[in-house]
N, C-alpha and C. Protein backbone atom coordinates (compact mmCIF):
# COMPACT_ATOMS: atom_id res chain seq x y z
N MET A 1 50.55 33.25 -1.30
CA MET A 1 51.40 32.23 -1.87
C MET A 1 52.65 32.90 -2.41
N ALA A 2 53.73 32.35 -2.09
CA ALA A 2 55.01 32.90 -2.53
C ALA A 2 55.58 31.99 -3.60
N LEU A 3 56.17 32.59 -4.62
CA LEU A 3 56.78 31.82 -5.69
C LEU A 3 58.30 31.87 -5.54
N HIS A 4 58.86 30.72 -5.64
CA HIS A 4 60.32 30.61 -5.60
C HIS A 4 60.74 29.87 -6.85
N PHE A 5 61.90 30.28 -7.41
CA PHE A 5 62.40 29.60 -8.59
C PHE A 5 62.88 28.23 -8.21
N GLY A 6 62.36 27.23 -8.97
CA GLY A 6 62.80 25.88 -8.75
C GLY A 6 62.05 25.18 -7.62
N LYS A 7 61.17 25.85 -6.94
CA LYS A 7 60.45 25.24 -5.84
C LYS A 7 58.99 25.67 -5.92
N ARG A 8 58.08 24.72 -5.74
CA ARG A 8 56.66 25.03 -5.77
C ARG A 8 56.05 24.77 -4.41
N GLU A 9 55.16 25.63 -4.02
CA GLU A 9 54.41 25.39 -2.80
C GLU A 9 53.02 24.90 -3.21
N PHE A 10 52.59 23.86 -2.55
CA PHE A 10 51.29 23.31 -2.86
C PHE A 10 50.30 23.76 -1.79
N GLU A 11 49.32 24.46 -2.23
CA GLU A 11 48.26 24.89 -1.33
C GLU A 11 46.97 24.17 -1.72
N GLN A 12 46.09 24.10 -0.80
CA GLN A 12 44.77 23.54 -1.10
C GLN A 12 44.05 24.53 -2.02
N PRO A 13 43.52 24.06 -3.13
CA PRO A 13 42.78 24.96 -4.00
C PRO A 13 41.50 25.43 -3.31
N LYS A 14 41.11 26.65 -3.62
CA LYS A 14 39.90 27.20 -3.03
C LYS A 14 38.72 26.84 -3.91
N PRO A 15 37.70 26.21 -3.32
CA PRO A 15 36.56 25.81 -4.14
C PRO A 15 35.71 27.01 -4.54
N LEU A 16 35.14 26.89 -5.72
CA LEU A 16 34.21 27.90 -6.20
C LEU A 16 32.79 27.47 -5.81
N ASN A 17 31.84 28.30 -6.15
CA ASN A 17 30.45 27.99 -5.82
C ASN A 17 29.97 26.71 -6.50
N SER A 18 30.54 26.34 -7.62
CA SER A 18 30.10 25.16 -8.35
C SER A 18 30.65 23.88 -7.75
N GLY A 19 31.52 24.01 -6.76
CA GLY A 19 32.08 22.81 -6.15
C GLY A 19 33.35 22.35 -6.85
N MET A 20 33.79 23.03 -7.89
CA MET A 20 34.99 22.65 -8.63
C MET A 20 36.18 23.44 -8.07
N ALA A 21 37.32 22.83 -8.04
CA ALA A 21 38.53 23.49 -7.55
C ALA A 21 39.24 24.17 -8.72
N THR A 22 39.91 25.29 -8.45
CA THR A 22 40.64 26.01 -9.48
C THR A 22 42.07 25.49 -9.50
N PRO A 23 42.55 24.97 -10.66
CA PRO A 23 43.92 24.45 -10.69
C PRO A 23 44.93 25.59 -10.76
N ARG A 24 46.07 25.34 -10.20
CA ARG A 24 47.16 26.31 -10.30
C ARG A 24 47.87 26.10 -11.62
N TYR A 25 48.61 27.10 -12.04
CA TYR A 25 49.34 27.02 -13.29
C TYR A 25 50.31 25.86 -13.25
N GLY A 26 50.18 24.96 -14.25
CA GLY A 26 51.11 23.85 -14.33
C GLY A 26 50.64 22.62 -13.56
N GLN A 27 49.50 22.69 -12.90
CA GLN A 27 48.99 21.53 -12.17
C GLN A 27 47.76 21.00 -12.88
N ALA A 28 47.52 19.74 -12.66
CA ALA A 28 46.30 19.14 -13.18
C ALA A 28 45.16 19.56 -12.27
N ALA A 29 43.99 19.68 -12.85
CA ALA A 29 42.82 20.10 -12.08
C ALA A 29 42.39 18.97 -11.15
N ALA A 30 42.27 19.28 -9.89
CA ALA A 30 41.78 18.31 -8.91
C ALA A 30 40.29 18.58 -8.73
N VAL A 31 39.50 17.59 -8.97
CA VAL A 31 38.06 17.75 -8.87
C VAL A 31 37.60 17.21 -7.52
N THR A 32 36.99 18.08 -6.76
CA THR A 32 36.45 17.68 -5.47
C THR A 32 34.93 17.82 -5.55
N PRO A 33 34.22 16.70 -5.52
CA PRO A 33 32.77 16.81 -5.61
C PRO A 33 32.20 17.44 -4.35
N PRO A 34 31.07 18.12 -4.49
CA PRO A 34 30.45 18.70 -3.30
C PRO A 34 29.99 17.60 -2.36
N PRO A 35 29.91 17.92 -1.07
CA PRO A 35 29.49 16.88 -0.14
C PRO A 35 28.06 16.43 -0.44
N ILE A 36 27.84 15.15 -0.28
CA ILE A 36 26.52 14.58 -0.57
C ILE A 36 25.70 14.59 0.71
N THR A 37 24.57 15.24 0.62
CA THR A 37 23.67 15.26 1.77
C THR A 37 22.41 14.52 1.39
N PRO A 38 21.99 13.57 2.22
CA PRO A 38 20.78 12.82 1.88
C PRO A 38 19.56 13.74 1.96
N PRO A 39 18.56 13.47 1.11
CA PRO A 39 17.36 14.30 1.15
C PRO A 39 16.64 14.11 2.48
N ALA A 40 16.01 15.16 2.92
CA ALA A 40 15.28 15.09 4.18
C ALA A 40 14.09 14.17 4.02
N ALA A 41 13.86 13.35 5.01
CA ALA A 41 12.74 12.42 4.97
C ALA A 41 11.44 13.21 5.11
N GLU A 42 10.51 12.92 4.18
CA GLU A 42 9.23 13.60 4.24
C GLU A 42 8.34 12.87 5.23
N PRO A 43 7.54 13.60 5.98
CA PRO A 43 6.65 12.93 6.91
C PRO A 43 5.58 12.16 6.17
N GLU A 44 5.15 11.02 6.76
CA GLU A 44 4.11 10.20 6.17
C GLU A 44 2.79 10.95 6.19
N PRO A 45 2.02 10.90 5.11
CA PRO A 45 0.72 11.56 5.13
C PRO A 45 -0.23 10.83 6.07
N ALA A 46 -1.13 11.58 6.64
CA ALA A 46 -2.10 10.98 7.56
C ALA A 46 -3.04 10.07 6.77
N THR A 47 -3.34 8.91 7.32
CA THR A 47 -4.24 7.98 6.65
C THR A 47 -5.54 7.90 7.42
N ALA A 48 -6.51 7.30 6.80
CA ALA A 48 -7.83 7.18 7.41
C ALA A 48 -7.86 6.09 8.48
N THR A 49 -6.85 5.21 8.50
CA THR A 49 -6.86 4.13 9.47
C THR A 49 -6.30 4.63 10.79
N PRO A 50 -6.85 4.18 11.89
CA PRO A 50 -6.33 4.60 13.19
C PRO A 50 -4.94 4.02 13.43
N ALA A 51 -4.21 4.66 14.32
CA ALA A 51 -2.84 4.22 14.60
C ALA A 51 -2.81 2.83 15.20
N ALA A 52 -3.88 2.42 15.85
CA ALA A 52 -3.91 1.11 16.49
C ALA A 52 -4.17 -0.02 15.51
N SER A 53 -4.45 0.30 14.25
CA SER A 53 -4.75 -0.73 13.27
C SER A 53 -3.50 -1.56 12.99
N THR A 54 -3.64 -2.86 13.03
CA THR A 54 -2.49 -3.74 12.81
C THR A 54 -2.66 -4.56 11.55
N THR A 55 -3.54 -4.13 10.65
CA THR A 55 -3.80 -4.94 9.48
C THR A 55 -2.80 -4.73 8.36
N THR A 56 -2.11 -3.62 8.31
CA THR A 56 -1.16 -3.37 7.25
C THR A 56 0.17 -4.03 7.58
N PRO A 57 0.60 -5.00 6.78
CA PRO A 57 1.88 -5.65 7.06
C PRO A 57 3.02 -4.69 6.77
N GLU A 58 4.02 -4.71 7.62
CA GLU A 58 5.17 -3.82 7.45
C GLU A 58 6.07 -4.36 6.34
N GLY A 59 6.48 -3.48 5.46
CA GLY A 59 7.45 -3.84 4.43
C GLY A 59 6.87 -4.63 3.27
N GLY A 60 5.56 -4.85 3.22
CA GLY A 60 4.97 -5.60 2.13
C GLY A 60 4.67 -4.72 0.94
N SER A 61 4.27 -5.35 -0.16
CA SER A 61 3.90 -4.57 -1.34
C SER A 61 2.53 -3.96 -1.13
N LYS A 62 2.38 -2.72 -1.55
CA LYS A 62 1.15 -1.97 -1.30
C LYS A 62 0.75 -1.23 -2.57
N LEU A 63 -0.52 -1.39 -2.96
CA LEU A 63 -1.06 -0.68 -4.10
C LEU A 63 -2.14 0.25 -3.60
N THR A 64 -2.01 1.54 -3.91
CA THR A 64 -3.01 2.53 -3.51
C THR A 64 -3.66 3.10 -4.76
N VAL A 65 -4.99 2.98 -4.82
CA VAL A 65 -5.75 3.59 -5.90
C VAL A 65 -6.33 4.86 -5.31
N GLY A 66 -5.77 5.99 -5.69
CA GLY A 66 -6.10 7.27 -5.08
C GLY A 66 -7.48 7.78 -5.42
N PRO A 67 -7.88 8.86 -4.76
CA PRO A 67 -9.19 9.46 -5.02
C PRO A 67 -9.32 9.88 -6.49
N ASN A 68 -10.51 9.77 -7.03
CA ASN A 68 -10.82 10.13 -8.41
C ASN A 68 -10.11 9.27 -9.45
N ILE A 69 -9.57 8.12 -9.04
CA ILE A 69 -8.92 7.19 -9.96
C ILE A 69 -9.85 5.99 -10.15
N LYS A 70 -10.01 5.55 -11.41
CA LYS A 70 -10.80 4.35 -11.71
C LYS A 70 -9.86 3.30 -12.28
N LEU A 71 -9.87 2.13 -11.67
CA LEU A 71 -9.08 1.00 -12.14
C LEU A 71 -10.08 -0.08 -12.51
N LYS A 72 -10.14 -0.44 -13.79
CA LYS A 72 -11.21 -1.32 -14.26
C LYS A 72 -10.65 -2.47 -15.08
N GLY A 73 -11.26 -3.66 -14.86
CA GLY A 73 -10.94 -4.82 -15.69
C GLY A 73 -9.56 -5.40 -15.48
N VAL A 74 -9.12 -5.48 -14.25
CA VAL A 74 -7.78 -6.01 -13.98
C VAL A 74 -7.86 -7.19 -13.01
N GLU A 75 -6.77 -7.92 -12.93
CA GLU A 75 -6.61 -8.97 -11.93
C GLU A 75 -5.43 -8.56 -11.07
N ILE A 76 -5.68 -8.43 -9.77
CA ILE A 76 -4.63 -7.97 -8.86
C ILE A 76 -4.11 -9.18 -8.08
N THR A 77 -2.82 -9.47 -8.22
CA THR A 77 -2.19 -10.58 -7.51
C THR A 77 -0.88 -10.11 -6.91
N ASP A 78 -0.36 -10.88 -5.99
CA ASP A 78 0.93 -10.60 -5.35
C ASP A 78 0.99 -9.21 -4.73
N CYS A 79 -0.12 -8.75 -4.22
CA CYS A 79 -0.19 -7.45 -3.56
C CYS A 79 -0.54 -7.71 -2.10
N ASP A 80 0.34 -7.30 -1.19
CA ASP A 80 0.06 -7.53 0.22
C ASP A 80 -1.10 -6.67 0.71
N THR A 81 -1.15 -5.41 0.31
CA THR A 81 -2.20 -4.50 0.76
C THR A 81 -2.72 -3.69 -0.41
N LEU A 82 -4.04 -3.69 -0.59
CA LEU A 82 -4.68 -2.84 -1.58
C LEU A 82 -5.47 -1.79 -0.82
N VAL A 83 -5.16 -0.51 -1.08
CA VAL A 83 -5.87 0.60 -0.47
C VAL A 83 -6.71 1.25 -1.57
N VAL A 84 -8.04 1.28 -1.39
CA VAL A 84 -8.94 1.80 -2.40
C VAL A 84 -9.52 3.12 -1.90
N GLU A 85 -9.12 4.20 -2.56
CA GLU A 85 -9.66 5.52 -2.26
C GLU A 85 -10.50 6.02 -3.43
N GLY A 86 -10.36 5.37 -4.58
CA GLY A 86 -11.13 5.69 -5.77
C GLY A 86 -12.09 4.56 -6.06
N THR A 87 -12.12 4.12 -7.34
CA THR A 87 -13.01 3.04 -7.76
C THR A 87 -12.19 1.93 -8.41
N VAL A 88 -12.42 0.68 -7.99
CA VAL A 88 -11.73 -0.47 -8.55
C VAL A 88 -12.77 -1.50 -8.97
N GLU A 89 -12.67 -1.96 -10.22
CA GLU A 89 -13.48 -3.07 -10.72
C GLU A 89 -12.48 -4.13 -11.13
N ALA A 90 -12.37 -5.20 -10.30
CA ALA A 90 -11.31 -6.16 -10.53
C ALA A 90 -11.59 -7.47 -9.81
N THR A 91 -10.71 -8.42 -10.05
CA THR A 91 -10.64 -9.63 -9.24
C THR A 91 -9.30 -9.60 -8.55
N MET A 92 -9.27 -10.07 -7.32
CA MET A 92 -8.00 -10.03 -6.61
C MET A 92 -7.86 -11.18 -5.63
N ASP A 93 -6.63 -11.57 -5.39
CA ASP A 93 -6.27 -12.54 -4.37
C ASP A 93 -5.09 -11.91 -3.66
N SER A 94 -5.30 -11.50 -2.42
CA SER A 94 -4.31 -10.71 -1.72
C SER A 94 -4.35 -11.00 -0.23
N ARG A 95 -3.63 -10.22 0.55
CA ARG A 95 -3.63 -10.37 2.00
C ARG A 95 -4.60 -9.41 2.67
N VAL A 96 -4.53 -8.12 2.32
CA VAL A 96 -5.31 -7.10 3.01
C VAL A 96 -5.94 -6.17 1.98
N ILE A 97 -7.20 -5.80 2.23
CA ILE A 97 -7.84 -4.75 1.45
C ILE A 97 -8.37 -3.72 2.43
N GLN A 98 -8.14 -2.46 2.11
CA GLN A 98 -8.65 -1.35 2.91
C GLN A 98 -9.39 -0.43 1.96
N ILE A 99 -10.69 -0.28 2.18
CA ILE A 99 -11.50 0.59 1.34
C ILE A 99 -11.84 1.83 2.15
N ALA A 100 -11.40 2.98 1.68
CA ALA A 100 -11.64 4.25 2.36
C ALA A 100 -13.10 4.65 2.19
N GLU A 101 -13.54 5.67 2.94
CA GLU A 101 -14.94 6.11 2.91
C GLU A 101 -15.41 6.42 1.50
N GLN A 102 -14.61 7.10 0.72
CA GLN A 102 -15.00 7.47 -0.63
C GLN A 102 -14.66 6.37 -1.63
N GLY A 103 -14.05 5.28 -1.20
CA GLY A 103 -13.62 4.21 -2.08
C GLY A 103 -14.72 3.21 -2.38
N ALA A 104 -14.60 2.55 -3.54
CA ALA A 104 -15.57 1.53 -3.95
C ALA A 104 -14.85 0.41 -4.68
N PHE A 105 -15.19 -0.83 -4.34
CA PHE A 105 -14.63 -2.00 -5.01
C PHE A 105 -15.79 -2.81 -5.55
N LYS A 106 -15.70 -3.19 -6.82
CA LYS A 106 -16.71 -4.02 -7.46
C LYS A 106 -15.98 -5.20 -8.07
N GLY A 107 -16.44 -6.41 -7.76
CA GLY A 107 -15.80 -7.57 -8.36
C GLY A 107 -15.70 -8.71 -7.38
N SER A 108 -14.60 -9.41 -7.45
CA SER A 108 -14.38 -10.61 -6.64
C SER A 108 -13.04 -10.48 -5.92
N ALA A 109 -13.07 -10.79 -4.61
CA ALA A 109 -11.83 -10.69 -3.83
C ALA A 109 -11.72 -11.86 -2.85
N GLU A 110 -10.56 -12.46 -2.81
CA GLU A 110 -10.22 -13.48 -1.82
C GLU A 110 -9.03 -12.95 -1.05
N ILE A 111 -9.23 -12.65 0.24
CA ILE A 111 -8.19 -12.00 1.02
C ILE A 111 -8.18 -12.52 2.44
N ASP A 112 -7.14 -12.14 3.19
CA ASP A 112 -7.03 -12.53 4.59
C ASP A 112 -7.81 -11.58 5.48
N ILE A 113 -7.61 -10.28 5.32
CA ILE A 113 -8.22 -9.28 6.20
C ILE A 113 -8.82 -8.17 5.34
N ALA A 114 -10.06 -7.75 5.68
CA ALA A 114 -10.72 -6.67 4.96
C ALA A 114 -11.19 -5.61 5.93
N GLU A 115 -10.87 -4.35 5.64
CA GLU A 115 -11.37 -3.21 6.40
C GLU A 115 -12.16 -2.35 5.42
N ILE A 116 -13.48 -2.29 5.63
CA ILE A 116 -14.36 -1.60 4.70
C ILE A 116 -14.92 -0.35 5.35
N ARG A 117 -14.57 0.80 4.80
CA ARG A 117 -15.15 2.08 5.22
C ARG A 117 -16.03 2.64 4.11
N GLY A 118 -15.81 2.18 2.88
CA GLY A 118 -16.58 2.61 1.72
C GLY A 118 -17.54 1.50 1.32
N THR A 119 -17.58 1.18 0.00
CA THR A 119 -18.50 0.16 -0.47
C THR A 119 -17.76 -0.98 -1.16
N PHE A 120 -18.29 -2.18 -0.95
CA PHE A 120 -17.81 -3.37 -1.64
C PHE A 120 -19.03 -4.04 -2.22
N GLU A 121 -18.96 -4.39 -3.52
CA GLU A 121 -20.06 -5.07 -4.18
C GLU A 121 -19.51 -6.23 -5.00
N GLY A 122 -20.00 -7.44 -4.70
CA GLY A 122 -19.55 -8.60 -5.45
C GLY A 122 -19.32 -9.79 -4.55
N ASN A 123 -18.35 -10.62 -4.92
CA ASN A 123 -18.00 -11.83 -4.16
C ASN A 123 -16.81 -11.52 -3.27
N LEU A 124 -17.02 -11.65 -1.96
CA LEU A 124 -15.96 -11.35 -1.01
C LEU A 124 -15.72 -12.57 -0.12
N THR A 125 -14.52 -13.09 -0.17
CA THR A 125 -14.11 -14.19 0.70
C THR A 125 -12.98 -13.68 1.58
N VAL A 126 -13.25 -13.63 2.88
CA VAL A 126 -12.25 -13.15 3.83
C VAL A 126 -11.85 -14.35 4.69
N ARG A 127 -10.60 -14.76 4.55
CA ARG A 127 -10.13 -15.95 5.24
C ARG A 127 -10.00 -15.75 6.75
N GLN A 128 -9.72 -14.54 7.19
CA GLN A 128 -9.53 -14.30 8.62
C GLN A 128 -10.59 -13.35 9.18
N LYS A 129 -10.45 -12.05 8.96
CA LYS A 129 -11.30 -11.08 9.65
C LYS A 129 -11.85 -10.01 8.70
N LEU A 130 -13.17 -9.82 8.76
CA LEU A 130 -13.86 -8.80 8.00
C LEU A 130 -14.33 -7.73 8.96
N VAL A 131 -13.89 -6.48 8.75
CA VAL A 131 -14.29 -5.36 9.59
C VAL A 131 -15.04 -4.37 8.72
N ILE A 132 -16.31 -4.13 9.09
CA ILE A 132 -17.12 -3.15 8.38
C ILE A 132 -17.31 -1.97 9.33
N HIS A 133 -16.73 -0.84 8.97
CA HIS A 133 -16.80 0.35 9.82
C HIS A 133 -18.16 1.02 9.65
N ALA A 134 -18.43 2.05 10.45
CA ALA A 134 -19.74 2.72 10.48
C ALA A 134 -20.17 3.23 9.11
N THR A 135 -19.24 3.62 8.27
CA THR A 135 -19.57 4.16 6.95
C THR A 135 -19.51 3.09 5.86
N GLY A 136 -19.18 1.85 6.23
CA GLY A 136 -19.00 0.79 5.26
C GLY A 136 -20.28 0.09 4.85
N LYS A 137 -20.28 -0.39 3.60
CA LYS A 137 -21.43 -1.12 3.06
C LYS A 137 -20.91 -2.25 2.18
N VAL A 138 -21.31 -3.48 2.51
CA VAL A 138 -20.89 -4.66 1.76
C VAL A 138 -22.14 -5.36 1.24
N THR A 139 -22.17 -5.61 -0.07
CA THR A 139 -23.29 -6.34 -0.67
C THR A 139 -22.75 -7.41 -1.60
N GLY A 140 -23.49 -8.54 -1.66
CA GLY A 140 -23.10 -9.62 -2.56
C GLY A 140 -22.96 -10.93 -1.82
N HIS A 141 -22.14 -11.80 -2.33
CA HIS A 141 -21.86 -13.10 -1.72
C HIS A 141 -20.65 -12.92 -0.81
N VAL A 142 -20.88 -13.05 0.50
CA VAL A 142 -19.82 -12.75 1.48
C VAL A 142 -19.57 -13.99 2.33
N ARG A 143 -18.31 -14.36 2.47
CA ARG A 143 -17.90 -15.47 3.32
C ARG A 143 -16.73 -14.97 4.15
N TYR A 144 -16.74 -15.26 5.45
CA TYR A 144 -15.72 -14.71 6.33
C TYR A 144 -15.38 -15.68 7.46
N GLY A 145 -14.22 -15.46 8.07
CA GLY A 145 -13.81 -16.22 9.25
C GLY A 145 -14.34 -15.57 10.52
N LYS A 146 -14.04 -14.30 10.72
CA LYS A 146 -14.54 -13.51 11.84
C LYS A 146 -15.15 -12.23 11.28
N LEU A 147 -16.16 -11.70 11.98
CA LEU A 147 -16.86 -10.52 11.48
C LEU A 147 -17.00 -9.48 12.58
N VAL A 148 -16.66 -8.22 12.25
CA VAL A 148 -16.85 -7.09 13.15
C VAL A 148 -17.60 -6.03 12.36
N ILE A 149 -18.77 -5.60 12.88
CA ILE A 149 -19.54 -4.54 12.22
C ILE A 149 -19.77 -3.43 13.24
N GLU A 150 -19.26 -2.24 12.92
CA GLU A 150 -19.50 -1.09 13.78
C GLU A 150 -20.94 -0.62 13.60
N GLU A 151 -21.45 0.09 14.58
CA GLU A 151 -22.80 0.63 14.49
C GLU A 151 -22.89 1.54 13.27
N GLY A 152 -23.86 1.25 12.42
CA GLY A 152 -24.02 2.00 11.17
C GLY A 152 -23.50 1.25 9.96
N GLY A 153 -22.63 0.28 10.16
CA GLY A 153 -22.11 -0.51 9.05
C GLY A 153 -23.19 -1.40 8.48
N GLN A 154 -23.12 -1.71 7.18
CA GLN A 154 -24.16 -2.48 6.52
C GLN A 154 -23.57 -3.68 5.79
N ILE A 155 -24.32 -4.80 5.84
CA ILE A 155 -23.95 -5.99 5.09
C ILE A 155 -25.24 -6.62 4.57
N ALA A 156 -25.25 -6.99 3.29
CA ALA A 156 -26.45 -7.56 2.68
C ALA A 156 -26.04 -8.57 1.61
N GLY A 157 -26.90 -9.57 1.42
CA GLY A 157 -26.63 -10.56 0.39
C GLY A 157 -26.57 -11.94 0.97
N GLU A 158 -25.88 -12.83 0.28
CA GLU A 158 -25.69 -14.20 0.76
C GLU A 158 -24.45 -14.21 1.65
N ILE A 159 -24.68 -14.46 2.94
CA ILE A 159 -23.60 -14.33 3.92
C ILE A 159 -23.37 -15.67 4.59
N ALA A 160 -22.11 -16.10 4.64
CA ALA A 160 -21.76 -17.37 5.27
C ALA A 160 -20.60 -17.16 6.23
N CYS A 161 -20.73 -17.80 7.39
CA CYS A 161 -19.68 -17.73 8.40
C CYS A 161 -19.02 -19.09 8.51
N GLY A 162 -17.81 -19.09 8.92
CA GLY A 162 -17.14 -20.36 9.16
C GLY A 162 -15.74 -20.34 8.62
N PRO A 163 -15.01 -21.40 8.93
CA PRO A 163 -13.62 -21.46 8.43
C PRO A 163 -13.63 -21.51 6.91
N VAL A 164 -12.79 -20.73 6.34
CA VAL A 164 -12.70 -20.66 4.88
C VAL A 164 -11.53 -21.53 4.45
N SER A 165 -11.81 -22.48 3.58
CA SER A 165 -10.73 -23.36 3.10
C SER A 165 -9.90 -22.61 2.08
N THR A 166 -8.64 -22.94 2.00
CA THR A 166 -7.75 -22.29 1.03
C THR A 166 -7.90 -22.92 -0.34
N SER A 167 -8.49 -24.10 -0.41
CA SER A 167 -8.69 -24.77 -1.68
C SER A 167 -10.00 -24.32 -2.31
N LYS A 168 -9.94 -23.95 -3.58
CA LYS A 168 -11.15 -23.51 -4.27
C LYS A 168 -12.07 -24.69 -4.57
N ALA A 169 -11.51 -25.90 -4.62
CA ALA A 169 -12.30 -27.07 -4.94
C ALA A 169 -13.19 -27.49 -3.77
N ALA A 170 -12.76 -27.21 -2.56
CA ALA A 170 -13.54 -27.61 -1.39
C ALA A 170 -14.66 -26.62 -1.17
N ALA A 171 -15.90 -27.08 -1.31
CA ALA A 171 -17.05 -26.22 -1.12
C ALA A 171 -17.82 -26.71 0.09
N PRO A 172 -18.58 -25.82 0.76
CA PRO A 172 -19.33 -26.28 1.90
C PRO A 172 -20.40 -27.30 1.47
N LYS A 173 -20.58 -28.32 2.31
CA LYS A 173 -21.53 -29.37 1.98
C LYS A 173 -22.82 -29.13 2.75
N SER A 174 -23.92 -29.42 2.09
CA SER A 174 -25.20 -29.33 2.78
C SER A 174 -25.80 -30.73 2.86
N MET A 175 -26.56 -30.96 3.90
CA MET A 175 -27.15 -32.27 4.12
C MET A 175 -28.66 -32.13 4.25
N ALA A 176 -29.38 -33.08 3.76
CA ALA A 176 -30.81 -33.13 3.92
C ALA A 176 -31.14 -34.30 4.84
N LEU A 177 -31.93 -34.06 5.83
CA LEU A 177 -32.32 -35.12 6.76
C LEU A 177 -33.61 -35.77 6.31
N ALA A 178 -33.64 -37.09 6.34
CA ALA A 178 -34.85 -37.82 5.97
C ALA A 178 -35.68 -38.06 7.22
N ALA A 179 -36.98 -37.92 7.10
CA ALA A 179 -37.85 -38.10 8.27
C ALA A 179 -38.29 -39.52 8.44
């Protein structure tokens, strides 16, 4: 840089390691922020569900209760997908429940789709499809629209098949025939 009396040459300031520019004598400091680079996307962790599973809605709200976590005495609502890898004692009204092999759910659930690899104990109402995998065990009062049980899967208790009404007031009717 050459200095001349009465004339100034303007050069681009050289940035330092901190990203700040060094001002020249008599100039205001020009601040140039460092370039913003987005964080690298982390790969999704592998899940226990196969890639062909279509039960998890895309972009919906999802609650995961991880391994060694106990969630007790709650009411779960407005949750599109509940993934149980630990222990949950609750009541819920949701779209999808997925219970992992080590997961356990105790309580009452009214849902659209259930995938059970662990244990479920209590009142289970599945409006669409109940899938019990080979390691799954379901006990209690169970009502479902469609049922799939893999070899080794277990279901016990009061079990009812048929269309599930969305109204809680509508209960199945029984008839007695007179001879």
